[in-house]
Amino acid sequence: IDNRLKGGIGKEIKLMSRRHKGQKQPLSYAQERLWFLTQLAPDSRAYNIPLTMGMTGSLNHQALSDSLALLVQRHESLRTTFVNEGGAPSQVIHAKMDVPLERLDADTDLNILRQTVFDLRQGPLWRAALVDGSGEEMTLVLVLHHIIMDGWSLGILVSELAALYNSLEQEEILTLPPLALQYADYAYWQRQWL
């Protein structure tokens, strides 16, 4: 099979391929729109995506923290920041980025997390917090900027986090299949194709 598909009205569409690493990485058109809107209102929290997950039972805090670290290493978008070079935005994918798992007590107002203002130039562009509840009830709260996450990707994040946590908690080895493409590959392809 060659690397083209027939598109609408007789056009050929080149299939996605990996970008060349080390180059300045373009934004997808959706990311560029969010970047622009953030420049207009840098203190806005309108594009924060909050996610809460209730957890019951005995929690292995180290396994949860390690699971989040593995997700950051696996998904480049969780290690991405955005810079303005000569009036044009580009994304910077960092080799490493720490996202600490904050510990909060039950009296904490979760709006404090939801109201986080992210600086797109500084990472990370998401926060993770574990809120202690009563007894063995806890809530994991993730707040991510929409420029690095969408609703579809959120489902992947949650399922991989659960799989990683379960394997680490049970001291088993879990090998997730390697990712064929990262979101920056899609952005590069989109810019080349359009």
N, C-alpha and C. Protein backbone atom coordinates (compact mmCIF):
# COMPACT_ATOMS: atom_id res chain seq x y z
N ILE A 1 0.86 -1.18 0.00
CA ILE A 1 0.00 0.00 0.00
C ILE A 1 0.90 1.24 0.00
N ASP A 2 0.60 2.20 -0.81
CA ASP A 2 1.42 3.41 -0.76
C ASP A 2 0.87 4.35 0.32
N ASN A 3 1.54 5.47 0.51
CA ASN A 3 1.18 6.33 1.62
C ASN A 3 0.19 7.43 1.24
N ARG A 4 -0.69 7.15 0.30
CA ARG A 4 -1.71 8.12 -0.08
C ARG A 4 -3.09 7.47 -0.10
N LEU A 5 -4.08 8.26 0.17
CA LEU A 5 -5.47 7.85 0.06
C LEU A 5 -6.17 8.82 -0.87
N LYS A 6 -7.19 8.35 -1.53
CA LYS A 6 -7.99 9.25 -2.36
C LYS A 6 -8.90 10.08 -1.48
N GLY A 7 -8.78 11.37 -1.61
CA GLY A 7 -9.63 12.28 -0.85
C GLY A 7 -10.82 12.68 -1.69
N GLY A 8 -11.62 13.59 -1.14
CA GLY A 8 -12.78 14.07 -1.86
C GLY A 8 -12.40 14.81 -3.13
N ILE A 9 -13.23 14.74 -4.13
CA ILE A 9 -13.08 15.42 -5.41
C ILE A 9 -11.74 15.07 -6.07
N GLY A 10 -11.37 13.80 -5.98
CA GLY A 10 -10.19 13.32 -6.70
C GLY A 10 -8.85 13.72 -6.13
N LYS A 11 -8.80 14.32 -4.94
CA LYS A 11 -7.53 14.71 -4.34
C LYS A 11 -6.92 13.54 -3.61
N GLU A 12 -5.60 13.49 -3.60
CA GLU A 12 -4.92 12.49 -2.82
C GLU A 12 -4.55 13.08 -1.47
N ILE A 13 -4.72 12.28 -0.42
CA ILE A 13 -4.38 12.70 0.94
C ILE A 13 -3.19 11.86 1.38
N LYS A 14 -2.11 12.52 1.72
CA LYS A 14 -0.93 11.82 2.21
C LYS A 14 -1.18 11.38 3.65
N LEU A 15 -0.90 10.11 3.94
CA LEU A 15 -1.08 9.60 5.29
C LEU A 15 -0.06 10.22 6.22
N MET A 16 -0.39 10.24 7.49
CA MET A 16 0.48 10.83 8.48
C MET A 16 1.78 10.07 8.63
N SER A 17 2.83 10.79 8.83
CA SER A 17 4.11 10.20 9.18
C SER A 17 4.69 11.03 10.31
N ARG A 18 5.65 10.46 11.00
CA ARG A 18 6.26 11.15 12.14
C ARG A 18 7.02 12.38 11.66
N ARG A 19 6.95 13.41 12.46
CA ARG A 19 7.70 14.63 12.17
C ARG A 19 9.17 14.40 12.47
N HIS A 20 10.00 15.30 12.00
CA HIS A 20 11.42 15.25 12.32
C HIS A 20 11.62 15.92 13.67
N LYS A 21 12.12 15.17 14.61
CA LYS A 21 12.33 15.74 15.95
C LYS A 21 13.48 16.72 15.92
N GLY A 22 13.45 17.64 16.86
CA GLY A 22 14.50 18.64 16.95
C GLY A 22 14.17 19.91 16.19
N GLN A 23 13.20 19.85 15.30
CA GLN A 23 12.79 21.05 14.59
C GLN A 23 11.80 21.83 15.46
N LYS A 24 11.62 23.10 15.10
CA LYS A 24 10.56 23.87 15.74
C LYS A 24 9.24 23.20 15.37
N GLN A 25 8.42 22.92 16.36
CA GLN A 25 7.19 22.17 16.14
C GLN A 25 6.00 23.12 15.95
N PRO A 26 5.28 22.97 14.86
CA PRO A 26 4.11 23.82 14.64
C PRO A 26 2.95 23.39 15.54
N LEU A 27 2.01 24.28 15.70
CA LEU A 27 0.77 23.98 16.41
C LEU A 27 -0.25 23.48 15.41
N SER A 28 -1.18 22.66 15.86
CA SER A 28 -2.32 22.34 15.02
C SER A 28 -3.17 23.61 14.93
N TYR A 29 -4.11 23.64 14.01
CA TYR A 29 -4.97 24.82 13.90
C TYR A 29 -5.82 25.01 15.16
N ALA A 30 -6.25 23.91 15.76
CA ALA A 30 -7.02 24.02 17.01
C ALA A 30 -6.16 24.57 18.13
N GLN A 31 -4.91 24.11 18.23
CA GLN A 31 -4.01 24.64 19.25
C GLN A 31 -3.72 26.12 19.01
N GLU A 32 -3.53 26.49 17.75
CA GLU A 32 -3.24 27.89 17.44
C GLU A 32 -4.40 28.79 17.85
N ARG A 33 -5.63 28.32 17.63
CA ARG A 33 -6.80 29.09 18.05
C ARG A 33 -6.81 29.28 19.57
N LEU A 34 -6.54 28.20 20.31
CA LEU A 34 -6.52 28.30 21.77
C LEU A 34 -5.36 29.18 22.25
N TRP A 35 -4.22 29.08 21.58
CA TRP A 35 -3.08 29.92 21.92
C TRP A 35 -3.45 31.40 21.74
N PHE A 36 -4.07 31.72 20.61
CA PHE A 36 -4.47 33.09 20.31
C PHE A 36 -5.46 33.61 21.35
N LEU A 37 -6.46 32.81 21.68
CA LEU A 37 -7.45 33.23 22.67
C LEU A 37 -6.81 33.45 24.04
N THR A 38 -5.83 32.63 24.36
CA THR A 38 -5.12 32.79 25.63
C THR A 38 -4.29 34.08 25.64
N GLN A 39 -3.77 34.48 24.48
CA GLN A 39 -3.03 35.74 24.40
C GLN A 39 -3.97 36.92 24.66
N LEU A 40 -5.21 36.81 24.20
CA LEU A 40 -6.20 37.87 24.41
C LEU A 40 -6.63 37.98 25.87
N ALA A 41 -6.73 36.84 26.54
CA ALA A 41 -7.19 36.81 27.94
C ALA A 41 -6.31 35.85 28.73
N PRO A 42 -5.09 36.27 29.07
CA PRO A 42 -4.14 35.36 29.72
C PRO A 42 -4.58 34.86 31.10
N ASP A 43 -5.47 35.57 31.76
CA ASP A 43 -5.93 35.14 33.08
C ASP A 43 -7.21 34.31 33.03
N SER A 44 -7.66 33.99 31.83
CA SER A 44 -8.90 33.23 31.69
C SER A 44 -8.68 31.76 32.07
N ARG A 45 -9.72 31.22 32.68
CA ARG A 45 -9.72 29.79 33.02
C ARG A 45 -10.76 29.04 32.18
N ALA A 46 -11.23 29.70 31.13
CA ALA A 46 -12.30 29.15 30.31
C ALA A 46 -11.89 27.85 29.62
N TYR A 47 -10.60 27.67 29.40
CA TYR A 47 -10.16 26.48 28.66
C TYR A 47 -9.51 25.44 29.55
N ASN A 48 -9.78 25.51 30.85
CA ASN A 48 -9.35 24.47 31.76
C ASN A 48 -10.33 23.30 31.69
N ILE A 49 -9.80 22.12 31.66
CA ILE A 49 -10.63 20.91 31.68
C ILE A 49 -10.43 20.24 33.04
N PRO A 50 -11.45 20.29 33.92
CA PRO A 50 -11.33 19.61 35.20
C PRO A 50 -11.87 18.19 35.11
N LEU A 51 -11.22 17.29 35.81
CA LEU A 51 -11.66 15.90 35.87
C LEU A 51 -11.52 15.43 37.30
N THR A 52 -12.58 14.88 37.85
CA THR A 52 -12.51 14.32 39.20
C THR A 52 -12.85 12.84 39.14
N MET A 53 -12.09 12.06 39.89
CA MET A 53 -12.30 10.62 39.96
C MET A 53 -12.37 10.20 41.41
N GLY A 54 -13.52 9.69 41.83
CA GLY A 54 -13.67 9.19 43.18
C GLY A 54 -12.95 7.87 43.34
N MET A 55 -12.27 7.70 44.46
CA MET A 55 -11.53 6.47 44.73
C MET A 55 -11.88 6.00 46.13
N THR A 56 -12.09 4.70 46.27
CA THR A 56 -12.38 4.13 47.59
C THR A 56 -11.42 2.98 47.84
N GLY A 57 -11.21 2.71 49.12
CA GLY A 57 -10.32 1.62 49.50
C GLY A 57 -8.94 2.14 49.85
N SER A 58 -8.05 1.22 50.07
CA SER A 58 -6.68 1.57 50.42
C SER A 58 -5.94 2.02 49.17
N LEU A 59 -5.37 3.20 49.22
CA LEU A 59 -4.71 3.76 48.05
C LEU A 59 -3.20 3.68 48.21
N ASN A 60 -2.53 3.24 47.17
CA ASN A 60 -1.08 3.21 47.12
C ASN A 60 -0.63 4.54 46.51
N HIS A 61 -0.25 5.47 47.36
CA HIS A 61 0.10 6.82 46.91
C HIS A 61 1.30 6.81 45.97
N GLN A 62 2.30 5.97 46.27
CA GLN A 62 3.48 5.91 45.42
C GLN A 62 3.13 5.38 44.04
N ALA A 63 2.28 4.36 43.99
CA ALA A 63 1.87 3.79 42.69
C ALA A 63 1.11 4.83 41.87
N LEU A 64 0.27 5.63 42.53
CA LEU A 64 -0.47 6.67 41.81
C LEU A 64 0.47 7.75 41.28
N SER A 65 1.39 8.19 42.12
CA SER A 65 2.36 9.20 41.70
C SER A 65 3.23 8.68 40.55
N ASP A 66 3.68 7.43 40.66
CA ASP A 66 4.49 6.83 39.59
C ASP A 66 3.69 6.66 38.30
N SER A 67 2.40 6.35 38.43
CA SER A 67 1.53 6.21 37.25
C SER A 67 1.42 7.53 36.50
N LEU A 68 1.26 8.61 37.24
CA LEU A 68 1.19 9.93 36.61
C LEU A 68 2.50 10.28 35.92
N ALA A 69 3.62 9.94 36.56
CA ALA A 69 4.94 10.21 35.96
C ALA A 69 5.12 9.41 34.67
N LEU A 70 4.65 8.17 34.65
CA LEU A 70 4.74 7.35 33.44
C LEU A 70 3.88 7.91 32.31
N LEU A 71 2.70 8.45 32.66
CA LEU A 71 1.85 9.09 31.65
C LEU A 71 2.54 10.30 31.04
N VAL A 72 3.19 11.09 31.88
CA VAL A 72 3.90 12.28 31.40
C VAL A 72 5.00 11.88 30.44
N GLN A 73 5.71 10.79 30.78
CA GLN A 73 6.79 10.34 29.90
C GLN A 73 6.25 9.76 28.60
N ARG A 74 5.09 9.13 28.64
CA ARG A 74 4.51 8.48 27.46
C ARG A 74 3.91 9.47 26.47
N HIS A 75 3.26 10.51 26.98
CA HIS A 75 2.52 11.45 26.13
C HIS A 75 3.23 12.80 26.07
N GLU A 76 3.76 13.12 24.91
CA GLU A 76 4.49 14.38 24.74
C GLU A 76 3.66 15.61 25.07
N SER A 77 2.38 15.57 24.76
CA SER A 77 1.55 16.75 25.00
C SER A 77 1.50 17.12 26.48
N LEU A 78 1.72 16.17 27.37
CA LEU A 78 1.74 16.46 28.80
C LEU A 78 3.05 17.11 29.23
N ARG A 79 4.03 17.15 28.30
CA ARG A 79 5.33 17.78 28.55
C ARG A 79 5.56 18.97 27.61
N THR A 80 4.49 19.51 27.08
CA THR A 80 4.60 20.55 26.07
C THR A 80 4.30 21.93 26.65
N THR A 81 5.07 22.92 26.20
CA THR A 81 4.78 24.33 26.47
C THR A 81 4.75 25.04 25.13
N PHE A 82 4.34 26.30 25.14
CA PHE A 82 4.13 27.04 23.89
C PHE A 82 4.84 28.39 23.97
N VAL A 83 5.60 28.69 22.93
CA VAL A 83 6.37 29.93 22.90
C VAL A 83 5.97 30.75 21.67
N ASN A 84 6.27 32.05 21.76
CA ASN A 84 5.99 32.97 20.67
C ASN A 84 7.34 33.41 20.11
N GLU A 85 7.64 32.96 18.91
CA GLU A 85 8.91 33.32 18.28
C GLU A 85 8.63 34.12 17.02
N GLY A 86 8.93 35.42 17.09
CA GLY A 86 8.71 36.27 15.93
C GLY A 86 7.25 36.41 15.56
N GLY A 87 6.36 36.37 16.53
CA GLY A 87 4.94 36.53 16.27
C GLY A 87 4.22 35.25 15.89
N ALA A 88 4.95 34.14 15.81
CA ALA A 88 4.33 32.86 15.47
C ALA A 88 4.52 31.88 16.62
N PRO A 89 3.45 31.23 17.05
CA PRO A 89 3.60 30.28 18.14
C PRO A 89 4.21 28.97 17.66
N SER A 90 4.92 28.32 18.56
CA SER A 90 5.41 26.97 18.30
C SER A 90 5.37 26.21 19.61
N GLN A 91 5.38 24.90 19.50
CA GLN A 91 5.35 24.10 20.71
C GLN A 91 6.74 23.55 21.02
N VAL A 92 7.03 23.50 22.29
CA VAL A 92 8.29 22.97 22.77
C VAL A 92 7.96 21.71 23.57
N ILE A 93 8.52 20.60 23.13
CA ILE A 93 8.29 19.32 23.82
C ILE A 93 9.52 19.05 24.67
N HIS A 94 9.31 19.02 25.96
CA HIS A 94 10.41 18.85 26.90
C HIS A 94 10.71 17.36 27.10
N ALA A 95 11.97 17.05 27.29
CA ALA A 95 12.38 15.66 27.51
C ALA A 95 11.82 15.14 28.83
N LYS A 96 11.72 16.02 29.80
CA LYS A 96 11.24 15.62 31.13
C LYS A 96 10.44 16.77 31.72
N MET A 97 9.42 16.45 32.47
CA MET A 97 8.66 17.47 33.16
C MET A 97 8.00 16.82 34.37
N ASP A 98 8.21 17.41 35.52
CA ASP A 98 7.61 16.88 36.75
C ASP A 98 6.23 17.48 36.96
N VAL A 99 5.30 16.62 37.31
CA VAL A 99 3.96 17.06 37.69
C VAL A 99 3.69 16.44 39.05
N PRO A 100 3.93 17.21 40.11
CA PRO A 100 3.75 16.62 41.44
C PRO A 100 2.28 16.34 41.74
N LEU A 101 2.08 15.29 42.50
CA LEU A 101 0.74 14.94 42.98
C LEU A 101 0.53 15.68 44.30
N GLU A 102 -0.28 16.73 44.26
CA GLU A 102 -0.55 17.52 45.46
C GLU A 102 -1.46 16.73 46.40
N ARG A 103 -1.32 16.98 47.68
CA ARG A 103 -2.20 16.36 48.69
C ARG A 103 -3.01 17.47 49.34
N LEU A 104 -4.32 17.34 49.31
CA LEU A 104 -5.21 18.35 49.89
C LEU A 104 -6.15 17.67 50.87
N ASP A 105 -6.60 18.42 51.87
CA ASP A 105 -7.54 17.83 52.82
C ASP A 105 -8.98 18.04 52.34
N ALA A 106 -9.89 17.39 53.02
CA ALA A 106 -11.29 17.37 52.60
C ALA A 106 -11.94 18.75 52.62
N ASP A 107 -11.41 19.65 53.43
CA ASP A 107 -12.00 20.98 53.54
C ASP A 107 -11.57 21.91 52.41
N THR A 108 -10.68 21.45 51.56
CA THR A 108 -10.19 22.28 50.47
C THR A 108 -11.30 22.52 49.46
N ASP A 109 -11.44 23.74 49.04
CA ASP A 109 -12.40 24.09 48.01
C ASP A 109 -11.81 23.67 46.66
N LEU A 110 -12.42 22.72 45.99
CA LEU A 110 -11.88 22.23 44.72
C LEU A 110 -11.86 23.31 43.64
N ASN A 111 -12.59 24.38 43.85
CA ASN A 111 -12.54 25.48 42.88
C ASN A 111 -11.16 26.11 42.81
N ILE A 112 -10.37 25.96 43.89
CA ILE A 112 -9.00 26.47 43.88
C ILE A 112 -8.22 25.80 42.75
N LEU A 113 -8.43 24.49 42.60
CA LEU A 113 -7.76 23.77 41.52
C LEU A 113 -8.35 24.13 40.17
N ARG A 114 -9.66 24.16 40.10
CA ARG A 114 -10.32 24.44 38.82
C ARG A 114 -10.01 25.84 38.31
N GLN A 115 -9.70 26.75 39.23
CA GLN A 115 -9.44 28.13 38.85
C GLN A 115 -7.97 28.39 38.54
N THR A 116 -7.20 27.34 38.39
CA THR A 116 -5.78 27.49 38.05
C THR A 116 -5.63 28.26 36.73
N VAL A 117 -4.73 29.22 36.73
CA VAL A 117 -4.39 29.93 35.50
C VAL A 117 -3.05 29.38 35.02
N PHE A 118 -3.04 28.82 33.83
CA PHE A 118 -1.82 28.24 33.27
C PHE A 118 -1.10 29.26 32.40
N ASP A 119 0.20 29.33 32.55
CA ASP A 119 1.04 30.14 31.68
C ASP A 119 1.55 29.19 30.60
N LEU A 120 1.12 29.39 29.35
CA LEU A 120 1.46 28.46 28.28
C LEU A 120 2.96 28.38 28.02
N ARG A 121 3.70 29.39 28.46
CA ARG A 121 5.16 29.37 28.26
C ARG A 121 5.86 28.52 29.31
N GLN A 122 5.21 28.33 30.44
CA GLN A 122 5.79 27.57 31.54
C GLN A 122 4.98 26.30 31.75
N GLY A 123 5.61 25.22 32.00
CA GLY A 123 4.90 23.99 32.26
C GLY A 123 4.92 23.69 33.75
N PRO A 124 4.21 22.71 34.14
CA PRO A 124 3.31 21.91 33.31
C PRO A 124 1.98 22.64 33.09
N LEU A 125 1.28 22.21 32.06
CA LEU A 125 -0.02 22.80 31.72
C LEU A 125 -1.16 21.95 32.27
N TRP A 126 -0.86 21.26 33.36
CA TRP A 126 -1.89 20.52 34.07
C TRP A 126 -1.46 20.32 35.52
N ARG A 127 -2.44 20.05 36.36
CA ARG A 127 -2.22 19.82 37.79
C ARG A 127 -2.92 18.55 38.20
N ALA A 128 -2.35 17.89 39.21
CA ALA A 128 -2.95 16.69 39.77
C ALA A 128 -2.97 16.84 41.29
N ALA A 129 -4.10 16.52 41.88
CA ALA A 129 -4.21 16.62 43.34
C ALA A 129 -5.06 15.47 43.86
N LEU A 130 -4.68 14.99 45.02
CA LEU A 130 -5.43 13.95 45.71
C LEU A 130 -6.08 14.59 46.92
N VAL A 131 -7.40 14.54 46.97
CA VAL A 131 -8.15 15.16 48.06
C VAL A 131 -8.61 14.07 49.00
N ASP A 132 -8.13 14.13 50.25
CA ASP A 132 -8.53 13.15 51.26
C ASP A 132 -9.97 13.40 51.67
N GLY A 133 -10.73 12.32 51.69
CA GLY A 133 -12.12 12.40 52.12
C GLY A 133 -12.28 11.77 53.48
N SER A 134 -13.45 11.25 53.73
CA SER A 134 -13.69 10.58 55.00
C SER A 134 -13.40 9.10 54.85
N GLY A 135 -12.74 8.54 55.83
CA GLY A 135 -12.41 7.11 55.79
C GLY A 135 -11.48 6.79 54.65
N GLU A 136 -11.90 5.84 53.83
CA GLU A 136 -11.08 5.40 52.70
C GLU A 136 -11.56 6.00 51.39
N GLU A 137 -12.21 7.14 51.46
CA GLU A 137 -12.68 7.80 50.25
C GLU A 137 -11.75 8.96 49.91
N MET A 138 -11.35 9.01 48.66
CA MET A 138 -10.49 10.08 48.17
C MET A 138 -10.95 10.49 46.79
N THR A 139 -10.52 11.66 46.36
CA THR A 139 -10.84 12.14 45.02
C THR A 139 -9.55 12.57 44.34
N LEU A 140 -9.33 12.02 43.16
CA LEU A 140 -8.21 12.47 42.34
C LEU A 140 -8.75 13.54 41.42
N VAL A 141 -8.11 14.70 41.44
CA VAL A 141 -8.53 15.83 40.62
C VAL A 141 -7.42 16.16 39.63
N LEU A 142 -7.76 16.18 38.36
CA LEU A 142 -6.84 16.62 37.31
C LEU A 142 -7.44 17.86 36.67
N VAL A 143 -6.60 18.85 36.44
CA VAL A 143 -7.02 20.05 35.72
C VAL A 143 -6.00 20.24 34.62
N LEU A 144 -6.48 20.24 33.36
CA LEU A 144 -5.59 20.33 32.20
C LEU A 144 -6.04 21.47 31.31
N HIS A 145 -5.08 22.14 30.70
CA HIS A 145 -5.43 23.18 29.74
C HIS A 145 -5.84 22.49 28.44
N HIS A 146 -6.87 22.99 27.83
CA HIS A 146 -7.43 22.39 26.61
C HIS A 146 -6.43 22.37 25.44
N ILE A 147 -5.39 23.19 25.48
CA ILE A 147 -4.41 23.20 24.40
C ILE A 147 -3.60 21.90 24.36
N ILE A 148 -3.59 21.15 25.48
CA ILE A 148 -2.86 19.87 25.50
C ILE A 148 -3.78 18.67 25.62
N MET A 149 -5.09 18.90 25.74
CA MET A 149 -6.00 17.78 25.97
C MET A 149 -7.37 18.10 25.42
N ASP A 150 -8.03 17.08 24.88
CA ASP A 150 -9.43 17.23 24.46
C ASP A 150 -10.24 16.09 25.06
N GLY A 151 -11.52 16.12 24.84
CA GLY A 151 -12.40 15.12 25.43
C GLY A 151 -12.07 13.70 25.03
N TRP A 152 -11.73 13.49 23.77
CA TRP A 152 -11.40 12.15 23.29
C TRP A 152 -10.11 11.66 23.95
N SER A 153 -9.11 12.51 24.02
CA SER A 153 -7.84 12.14 24.63
C SER A 153 -7.97 11.90 26.13
N LEU A 154 -8.92 12.58 26.75
CA LEU A 154 -9.13 12.42 28.18
C LEU A 154 -9.50 10.97 28.52
N GLY A 155 -10.30 10.35 27.67
CA GLY A 155 -10.65 8.94 27.88
C GLY A 155 -9.44 8.04 27.85
N ILE A 156 -8.52 8.31 26.94
CA ILE A 156 -7.27 7.54 26.85
C ILE A 156 -6.45 7.74 28.12
N LEU A 157 -6.34 8.99 28.54
CA LEU A 157 -5.58 9.31 29.74
C LEU A 157 -6.10 8.55 30.95
N VAL A 158 -7.41 8.55 31.15
CA VAL A 158 -8.01 7.88 32.30
C VAL A 158 -7.80 6.37 32.22
N SER A 159 -8.01 5.77 31.06
CA SER A 159 -7.86 4.31 30.96
C SER A 159 -6.41 3.89 31.15
N GLU A 160 -5.46 4.67 30.61
CA GLU A 160 -4.05 4.33 30.79
C GLU A 160 -3.62 4.56 32.24
N LEU A 161 -4.13 5.62 32.87
CA LEU A 161 -3.81 5.86 34.27
C LEU A 161 -4.29 4.70 35.13
N ALA A 162 -5.50 4.22 34.89
CA ALA A 162 -6.04 3.10 35.66
C ALA A 162 -5.21 1.83 35.43
N ALA A 163 -4.85 1.55 34.18
CA ALA A 163 -4.05 0.36 33.88
C ALA A 163 -2.67 0.44 34.53
N LEU A 164 -2.03 1.60 34.44
CA LEU A 164 -0.71 1.76 35.05
C LEU A 164 -0.78 1.64 36.57
N TYR A 165 -1.78 2.29 37.17
CA TYR A 165 -1.91 2.23 38.63
C TYR A 165 -2.14 0.78 39.08
N ASN A 166 -3.08 0.09 38.43
CA ASN A 166 -3.37 -1.29 38.83
C ASN A 166 -2.15 -2.18 38.73
N SER A 167 -1.36 -2.02 37.67
CA SER A 167 -0.17 -2.86 37.52
C SER A 167 0.89 -2.52 38.56
N LEU A 168 1.11 -1.24 38.82
CA LEU A 168 2.11 -0.86 39.83
C LEU A 168 1.66 -1.25 41.23
N GLU A 169 0.39 -1.09 41.50
CA GLU A 169 -0.14 -1.41 42.83
C GLU A 169 -0.02 -2.91 43.10
N GLN A 170 -0.17 -3.72 42.07
CA GLN A 170 -0.06 -5.18 42.21
C GLN A 170 1.35 -5.69 41.92
N GLU A 171 2.28 -4.72 41.71
CA GLU A 171 3.68 -5.03 41.43
C GLU A 171 3.83 -5.95 40.22
N GLU A 172 3.04 -5.67 39.21
CA GLU A 172 3.12 -6.40 37.94
C GLU A 172 3.73 -5.47 36.89
N ILE A 173 4.26 -6.08 35.85
CA ILE A 173 4.82 -5.30 34.76
C ILE A 173 3.76 -5.12 33.69
N LEU A 174 3.49 -3.88 33.35
CA LEU A 174 2.54 -3.57 32.30
C LEU A 174 3.29 -2.89 31.17
N THR A 175 3.14 -3.43 30.00
CA THR A 175 3.76 -2.81 28.84
C THR A 175 2.64 -2.30 27.94
N LEU A 176 2.48 -0.98 27.92
CA LEU A 176 1.50 -0.40 27.01
C LEU A 176 2.10 -0.40 25.61
N PRO A 177 1.28 -0.62 24.59
CA PRO A 177 1.82 -0.62 23.23
C PRO A 177 2.43 0.74 22.90
N PRO A 178 3.56 0.75 22.19
CA PRO A 178 4.17 2.04 21.86
C PRO A 178 3.22 2.89 21.02
N LEU A 179 3.33 4.19 21.18
CA LEU A 179 2.50 5.11 20.42
C LEU A 179 3.11 5.31 19.04
N ALA A 180 2.32 5.06 18.03
CA ALA A 180 2.81 5.23 16.65
C ALA A 180 3.02 6.71 16.34
N LEU A 181 2.16 7.55 16.87
CA LEU A 181 2.22 8.98 16.62
C LEU A 181 1.90 9.75 17.89
N GLN A 182 2.44 10.95 17.97
CA GLN A 182 2.11 11.87 19.04
C GLN A 182 1.29 13.00 18.43
N TYR A 183 0.69 13.84 19.28
CA TYR A 183 -0.15 14.91 18.75
C TYR A 183 0.66 15.89 17.90
N ALA A 184 1.93 16.11 18.24
CA ALA A 184 2.77 17.01 17.44
C ALA A 184 2.97 16.46 16.03
N ASP A 185 2.94 15.13 15.86
CA ASP A 185 3.01 14.54 14.53
C ASP A 185 1.77 14.93 13.72
N TYR A 186 0.61 14.88 14.37
CA TYR A 186 -0.63 15.27 13.71
C TYR A 186 -0.58 16.74 13.30
N ALA A 187 -0.09 17.61 14.22
CA ALA A 187 -0.01 19.05 13.90
C ALA A 187 0.90 19.28 12.70
N TYR A 188 2.02 18.59 12.68
CA TYR A 188 2.96 18.71 11.55
C TYR A 188 2.30 18.25 10.26
N TRP A 189 1.62 17.10 10.30
CA TRP A 189 0.93 16.56 9.11
C TRP A 189 -0.15 17.53 8.64
N GLN A 190 -0.94 18.05 9.58
CA GLN A 190 -2.02 18.96 9.22
C GLN A 190 -1.49 20.19 8.51
N ARG A 191 -0.41 20.74 9.02
CA ARG A 191 0.19 21.93 8.39
C ARG A 191 0.75 21.61 7.01
N GLN A 192 1.37 20.45 6.86
CA GLN A 192 1.92 20.06 5.56
C GLN A 192 0.81 19.80 4.54
N TRP A 193 -0.26 19.13 4.97
CA TRP A 193 -1.34 18.75 4.07
C TRP A 193 -2.16 19.95 3.63
N LEU A 194 -2.47 20.85 4.58
CA LEU A 194 -3.32 21.98 4.25
C LEU A 194 -2.52 23.14 3.66
